[in-house]
Amino acid sequence: MSVASILAAPVDNLDPNLVYYESSRDEYGYSFTYKTKDGQFREEQGYISPDDGILRVTGLYRYEGPDGQTYEYNYEADENGYRIVSKPPPAGAPISNTVLLSLVG
């Protein structure tokens, strides 16, 4: 049996700069997503690897720079810290075990 905690908060009750915020957590890991009024967007998933007990994190951060360009970074984290990774594969490409496990509840 899996028990999950999900928070999809009305933005009125949180930071006034938030447009959207959602967070969930269960015994397998967590995920959250938010968007701010100034265009920042972040989504992140984390889980404890059953193989080695290490927290594995994948995520995306996007914002609009002062030059008007949109910048987007995909990142991952584990026992070696946070690091920028290449963009995800195109639609239809196989899903990695890391991403798949982060979605399974």
N, C-alpha and C. Protein backbone atom coordinates (compact mmCIF):
# COMPACT_ATOMS: atom_id res chain seq x y z
N MET A 1 0.84 -1.17 0.00
CA MET A 1 0.00 0.00 0.00
C MET A 1 0.88 1.23 0.00
N SER A 2 0.58 2.18 -0.85
CA SER A 2 1.36 3.40 -0.98
C SER A 2 0.55 4.58 -0.48
N VAL A 3 1.17 5.41 0.33
CA VAL A 3 0.52 6.60 0.83
C VAL A 3 1.26 7.80 0.26
N ALA A 4 0.53 8.70 -0.36
CA ALA A 4 1.16 9.87 -0.97
C ALA A 4 0.59 11.14 -0.37
N SER A 5 1.42 12.12 -0.27
CA SER A 5 1.01 13.44 0.18
C SER A 5 1.17 14.38 -0.99
N ILE A 6 0.10 15.07 -1.37
CA ILE A 6 0.15 15.97 -2.51
C ILE A 6 -0.32 17.34 -2.07
N LEU A 7 0.42 18.36 -2.46
CA LEU A 7 0.05 19.72 -2.16
C LEU A 7 -0.03 20.47 -3.47
N ALA A 8 -1.23 20.85 -3.83
CA ALA A 8 -1.43 21.73 -4.97
C ALA A 8 -2.06 22.98 -4.37
N ALA A 9 -1.22 23.89 -3.96
CA ALA A 9 -1.67 25.02 -3.15
C ALA A 9 -2.22 26.14 -3.99
N PRO A 10 -3.31 26.75 -3.50
CA PRO A 10 -3.75 28.00 -4.14
C PRO A 10 -2.63 29.01 -3.96
N VAL A 11 -2.26 29.68 -5.01
CA VAL A 11 -1.13 30.59 -4.93
C VAL A 11 -1.38 31.77 -4.01
N ASP A 12 -2.65 32.04 -3.67
CA ASP A 12 -2.95 33.13 -2.75
C ASP A 12 -2.35 32.90 -1.37
N ASN A 13 -2.20 31.64 -0.98
CA ASN A 13 -1.72 31.31 0.36
C ASN A 13 -0.21 31.17 0.45
N LEU A 14 0.48 31.32 -0.64
CA LEU A 14 1.93 31.18 -0.67
C LEU A 14 2.57 32.50 -1.07
N ASP A 15 3.77 32.44 -1.52
CA ASP A 15 4.50 33.60 -2.00
C ASP A 15 3.68 34.31 -3.08
N PRO A 16 3.50 35.63 -2.98
CA PRO A 16 2.69 36.36 -3.97
C PRO A 16 3.30 36.34 -5.37
N ASN A 17 4.57 35.95 -5.50
CA ASN A 17 5.19 35.87 -6.82
C ASN A 17 4.91 34.56 -7.54
N LEU A 18 4.29 33.58 -6.85
CA LEU A 18 4.00 32.29 -7.47
C LEU A 18 2.75 32.35 -8.33
N VAL A 19 2.84 31.72 -9.49
CA VAL A 19 1.69 31.52 -10.37
C VAL A 19 1.13 30.12 -10.12
N TYR A 20 2.04 29.18 -9.90
CA TYR A 20 1.66 27.78 -9.76
C TYR A 20 2.65 27.09 -8.85
N TYR A 21 2.14 26.17 -8.01
CA TYR A 21 3.01 25.37 -7.14
C TYR A 21 2.34 24.03 -6.87
N GLU A 22 3.08 22.95 -7.07
CA GLU A 22 2.56 21.62 -6.75
C GLU A 22 3.70 20.79 -6.18
N SER A 23 3.39 20.02 -5.15
CA SER A 23 4.40 19.21 -4.50
C SER A 23 3.77 17.89 -4.07
N SER A 24 4.51 16.80 -4.23
CA SER A 24 4.03 15.51 -3.74
C SER A 24 5.21 14.75 -3.13
N ARG A 25 4.88 13.87 -2.19
CA ARG A 25 5.92 13.11 -1.50
C ARG A 25 5.30 11.80 -1.02
N ASP A 26 6.07 10.74 -1.12
CA ASP A 26 5.67 9.45 -0.57
C ASP A 26 6.92 8.71 -0.13
N GLU A 27 6.77 7.46 0.24
CA GLU A 27 7.94 6.72 0.74
C GLU A 27 8.98 6.43 -0.33
N TYR A 28 8.65 6.66 -1.59
CA TYR A 28 9.58 6.40 -2.69
C TYR A 28 10.35 7.63 -3.13
N GLY A 29 9.85 8.81 -2.81
CA GLY A 29 10.54 10.03 -3.23
C GLY A 29 9.64 11.24 -3.19
N TYR A 30 9.99 12.23 -3.98
CA TYR A 30 9.25 13.48 -4.00
C TYR A 30 9.27 14.07 -5.40
N SER A 31 8.40 15.04 -5.62
CA SER A 31 8.44 15.84 -6.84
C SER A 31 7.82 17.20 -6.53
N PHE A 32 8.26 18.21 -7.23
CA PHE A 32 7.61 19.52 -7.12
C PHE A 32 7.77 20.27 -8.43
N THR A 33 6.86 21.22 -8.62
CA THR A 33 6.85 22.08 -9.79
C THR A 33 6.38 23.45 -9.34
N TYR A 34 7.01 24.49 -9.87
CA TYR A 34 6.49 25.83 -9.62
C TYR A 34 6.78 26.74 -10.80
N LYS A 35 6.00 27.82 -10.88
CA LYS A 35 6.21 28.87 -11.87
C LYS A 35 5.96 30.19 -11.17
N THR A 36 6.82 31.17 -11.45
CA THR A 36 6.69 32.48 -10.82
C THR A 36 6.20 33.51 -11.84
N LYS A 37 5.75 34.64 -11.33
CA LYS A 37 5.23 35.70 -12.19
C LYS A 37 6.29 36.25 -13.14
N ASP A 38 7.55 36.18 -12.75
CA ASP A 38 8.62 36.69 -13.62
C ASP A 38 9.12 35.64 -14.61
N GLY A 39 8.41 34.50 -14.72
CA GLY A 39 8.71 33.51 -15.75
C GLY A 39 9.63 32.38 -15.35
N GLN A 40 10.07 32.34 -14.10
CA GLN A 40 10.89 31.21 -13.67
C GLN A 40 10.02 29.96 -13.59
N PHE A 41 10.60 28.83 -13.96
CA PHE A 41 9.90 27.55 -13.89
C PHE A 41 10.89 26.51 -13.42
N ARG A 42 10.44 25.65 -12.51
CA ARG A 42 11.30 24.57 -12.04
C ARG A 42 10.45 23.34 -11.77
N GLU A 43 10.98 22.18 -12.16
CA GLU A 43 10.38 20.92 -11.78
C GLU A 43 11.51 19.98 -11.38
N GLU A 44 11.23 19.19 -10.35
CA GLU A 44 12.27 18.31 -9.83
C GLU A 44 11.63 17.05 -9.28
N GLN A 45 12.33 15.92 -9.47
CA GLN A 45 11.92 14.63 -8.92
C GLN A 45 13.12 14.04 -8.21
N GLY A 46 12.88 13.42 -7.08
CA GLY A 46 13.96 12.77 -6.36
C GLY A 46 13.47 11.46 -5.77
N TYR A 47 14.36 10.50 -5.67
CA TYR A 47 14.02 9.22 -5.07
C TYR A 47 15.28 8.61 -4.48
N ILE A 48 15.09 7.75 -3.51
CA ILE A 48 16.20 7.01 -2.92
C ILE A 48 16.39 5.74 -3.75
N SER A 49 17.57 5.56 -4.30
CA SER A 49 17.86 4.39 -5.12
C SER A 49 17.82 3.13 -4.25
N PRO A 50 17.02 2.13 -4.64
CA PRO A 50 16.98 0.88 -3.87
C PRO A 50 18.29 0.10 -3.95
N ASP A 51 19.10 0.36 -4.96
CA ASP A 51 20.36 -0.36 -5.13
C ASP A 51 21.43 0.07 -4.12
N ASP A 52 21.51 1.39 -3.88
CA ASP A 52 22.60 1.88 -3.03
C ASP A 52 22.16 2.86 -1.94
N GLY A 53 20.86 3.18 -1.87
CA GLY A 53 20.35 4.07 -0.83
C GLY A 53 20.70 5.53 -1.03
N ILE A 54 21.16 5.91 -2.22
CA ILE A 54 21.55 7.28 -2.50
C ILE A 54 20.38 8.05 -3.10
N LEU A 55 20.21 9.30 -2.65
CA LEU A 55 19.18 10.16 -3.22
C LEU A 55 19.59 10.55 -4.63
N ARG A 56 18.73 10.29 -5.59
CA ARG A 56 18.96 10.64 -7.00
C ARG A 56 17.92 11.69 -7.38
N VAL A 57 18.37 12.76 -8.01
CA VAL A 57 17.50 13.89 -8.35
C VAL A 57 17.65 14.21 -9.83
N THR A 58 16.54 14.50 -10.49
CA THR A 58 16.55 15.03 -11.85
C THR A 58 15.64 16.24 -11.87
N GLY A 59 15.97 17.21 -12.69
CA GLY A 59 15.14 18.40 -12.73
C GLY A 59 15.43 19.30 -13.90
N LEU A 60 14.63 20.35 -13.97
CA LEU A 60 14.72 21.34 -15.04
C LEU A 60 14.48 22.70 -14.42
N TYR A 61 15.26 23.70 -14.84
CA TYR A 61 15.08 25.07 -14.40
C TYR A 61 15.10 25.96 -15.63
N ARG A 62 14.10 26.87 -15.73
CA ARG A 62 13.99 27.75 -16.89
C ARG A 62 13.69 29.16 -16.40
N TYR A 63 14.28 30.14 -17.06
CA TYR A 63 14.01 31.53 -16.72
C TYR A 63 14.28 32.41 -17.93
N GLU A 64 13.75 33.64 -17.87
CA GLU A 64 14.01 34.61 -18.93
C GLU A 64 15.08 35.56 -18.43
N GLY A 65 16.17 35.68 -19.21
CA GLY A 65 17.28 36.54 -18.84
C GLY A 65 16.98 38.00 -19.14
N PRO A 66 17.82 38.90 -18.64
CA PRO A 66 17.64 40.33 -18.88
C PRO A 66 17.73 40.69 -20.36
N ASP A 67 18.31 39.78 -21.16
CA ASP A 67 18.41 40.01 -22.60
C ASP A 67 17.17 39.55 -23.37
N GLY A 68 16.15 39.05 -22.62
CA GLY A 68 14.91 38.59 -23.25
C GLY A 68 14.95 37.15 -23.72
N GLN A 69 16.11 36.50 -23.64
CA GLN A 69 16.25 35.10 -24.04
C GLN A 69 15.78 34.18 -22.92
N THR A 70 15.22 33.04 -23.31
CA THR A 70 14.84 32.02 -22.34
C THR A 70 16.00 31.04 -22.19
N TYR A 71 16.38 30.80 -20.95
CA TYR A 71 17.45 29.87 -20.63
C TYR A 71 16.87 28.68 -19.90
N GLU A 72 17.31 27.50 -20.29
CA GLU A 72 16.79 26.26 -19.69
C GLU A 72 17.94 25.32 -19.39
N TYR A 73 17.90 24.77 -18.18
CA TYR A 73 18.95 23.85 -17.75
C TYR A 73 18.32 22.59 -17.19
N ASN A 74 18.80 21.45 -17.63
CA ASN A 74 18.43 20.17 -17.06
C ASN A 74 19.56 19.79 -16.12
N TYR A 75 19.22 19.25 -14.99
CA TYR A 75 20.25 18.89 -14.02
C TYR A 75 19.93 17.55 -13.38
N GLU A 76 20.94 16.99 -12.76
CA GLU A 76 20.77 15.78 -11.96
C GLU A 76 21.69 15.92 -10.76
N ALA A 77 21.39 15.15 -9.75
CA ALA A 77 22.22 15.16 -8.54
C ALA A 77 22.22 13.77 -7.94
N ASP A 78 23.33 13.46 -7.30
CA ASP A 78 23.49 12.18 -6.61
C ASP A 78 24.65 12.35 -5.63
N GLU A 79 25.35 11.28 -5.33
CA GLU A 79 26.46 11.37 -4.39
C GLU A 79 27.58 12.27 -4.89
N ASN A 80 27.57 12.63 -6.17
CA ASN A 80 28.59 13.51 -6.75
C ASN A 80 28.15 14.97 -6.82
N GLY A 81 27.00 15.31 -6.25
CA GLY A 81 26.50 16.68 -6.26
C GLY A 81 25.63 16.99 -7.46
N TYR A 82 25.24 18.27 -7.59
CA TYR A 82 24.41 18.73 -8.70
C TYR A 82 25.28 19.01 -9.91
N ARG A 83 24.74 18.73 -11.10
CA ARG A 83 25.45 19.06 -12.33
C ARG A 83 24.44 19.24 -13.47
N ILE A 84 24.80 20.09 -14.41
CA ILE A 84 23.99 20.32 -15.60
C ILE A 84 24.19 19.14 -16.53
N VAL A 85 23.10 18.68 -17.13
CA VAL A 85 23.15 17.58 -18.09
C VAL A 85 22.52 18.04 -19.40
N SER A 86 22.73 17.26 -20.44
CA SER A 86 22.14 17.61 -21.73
C SER A 86 20.63 17.52 -21.66
N LYS A 87 19.99 18.15 -22.63
CA LYS A 87 18.53 18.13 -22.68
C LYS A 87 18.04 16.69 -22.84
N PRO A 88 16.80 16.44 -22.40
CA PRO A 88 16.27 15.09 -22.53
C PRO A 88 16.14 14.67 -23.99
N PRO A 89 16.09 13.36 -24.23
CA PRO A 89 15.96 12.89 -25.62
C PRO A 89 14.62 13.32 -26.22
N PRO A 90 14.53 13.36 -27.54
CA PRO A 90 13.29 13.77 -28.19
C PRO A 90 12.14 12.81 -27.88
N ALA A 91 10.92 13.31 -28.06
CA ALA A 91 9.72 12.49 -27.84
C ALA A 91 9.82 11.20 -28.64
N GLY A 92 9.42 10.10 -28.01
CA GLY A 92 9.46 8.81 -28.66
C GLY A 92 10.73 8.04 -28.35
N ALA A 93 11.72 8.70 -27.77
CA ALA A 93 12.97 8.01 -27.41
C ALA A 93 12.72 7.20 -26.14
N PRO A 94 13.48 6.14 -25.93
CA PRO A 94 13.29 5.33 -24.71
C PRO A 94 13.51 6.17 -23.46
N ILE A 95 12.76 5.88 -22.42
CA ILE A 95 12.87 6.58 -21.14
C ILE A 95 13.92 5.87 -20.30
N SER A 96 14.82 6.65 -19.70
CA SER A 96 15.86 6.05 -18.88
C SER A 96 15.26 5.45 -17.61
N ASN A 97 15.92 4.47 -17.03
CA ASN A 97 15.45 3.87 -15.78
C ASN A 97 15.36 4.89 -14.67
N THR A 98 16.28 5.84 -14.61
CA THR A 98 16.26 6.87 -13.57
C THR A 98 14.97 7.68 -13.64
N VAL A 99 14.64 8.15 -14.83
CA VAL A 99 13.41 8.94 -14.98
C VAL A 99 12.19 8.06 -14.74
N LEU A 100 12.18 6.88 -15.26
CA LEU A 100 11.05 5.98 -15.07
C LEU A 100 10.81 5.69 -13.60
N LEU A 101 11.87 5.37 -12.87
CA LEU A 101 11.72 5.08 -11.45
C LEU A 101 11.25 6.30 -10.67
N SER A 102 11.63 7.50 -11.09
CA SER A 102 11.19 8.70 -10.39
C SER A 102 9.70 8.94 -10.58
N LEU A 103 9.11 8.38 -11.63
CA LEU A 103 7.68 8.56 -11.90
C LEU A 103 6.81 7.47 -11.30
N VAL A 104 7.41 6.34 -10.97
CA VAL A 104 6.65 5.20 -10.45
C VAL A 104 6.38 5.41 -8.97
N GLY A 105 5.16 5.16 -8.56
CA GLY A 105 4.83 5.37 -7.15
C GLY A 105 4.49 4.18 -6.41
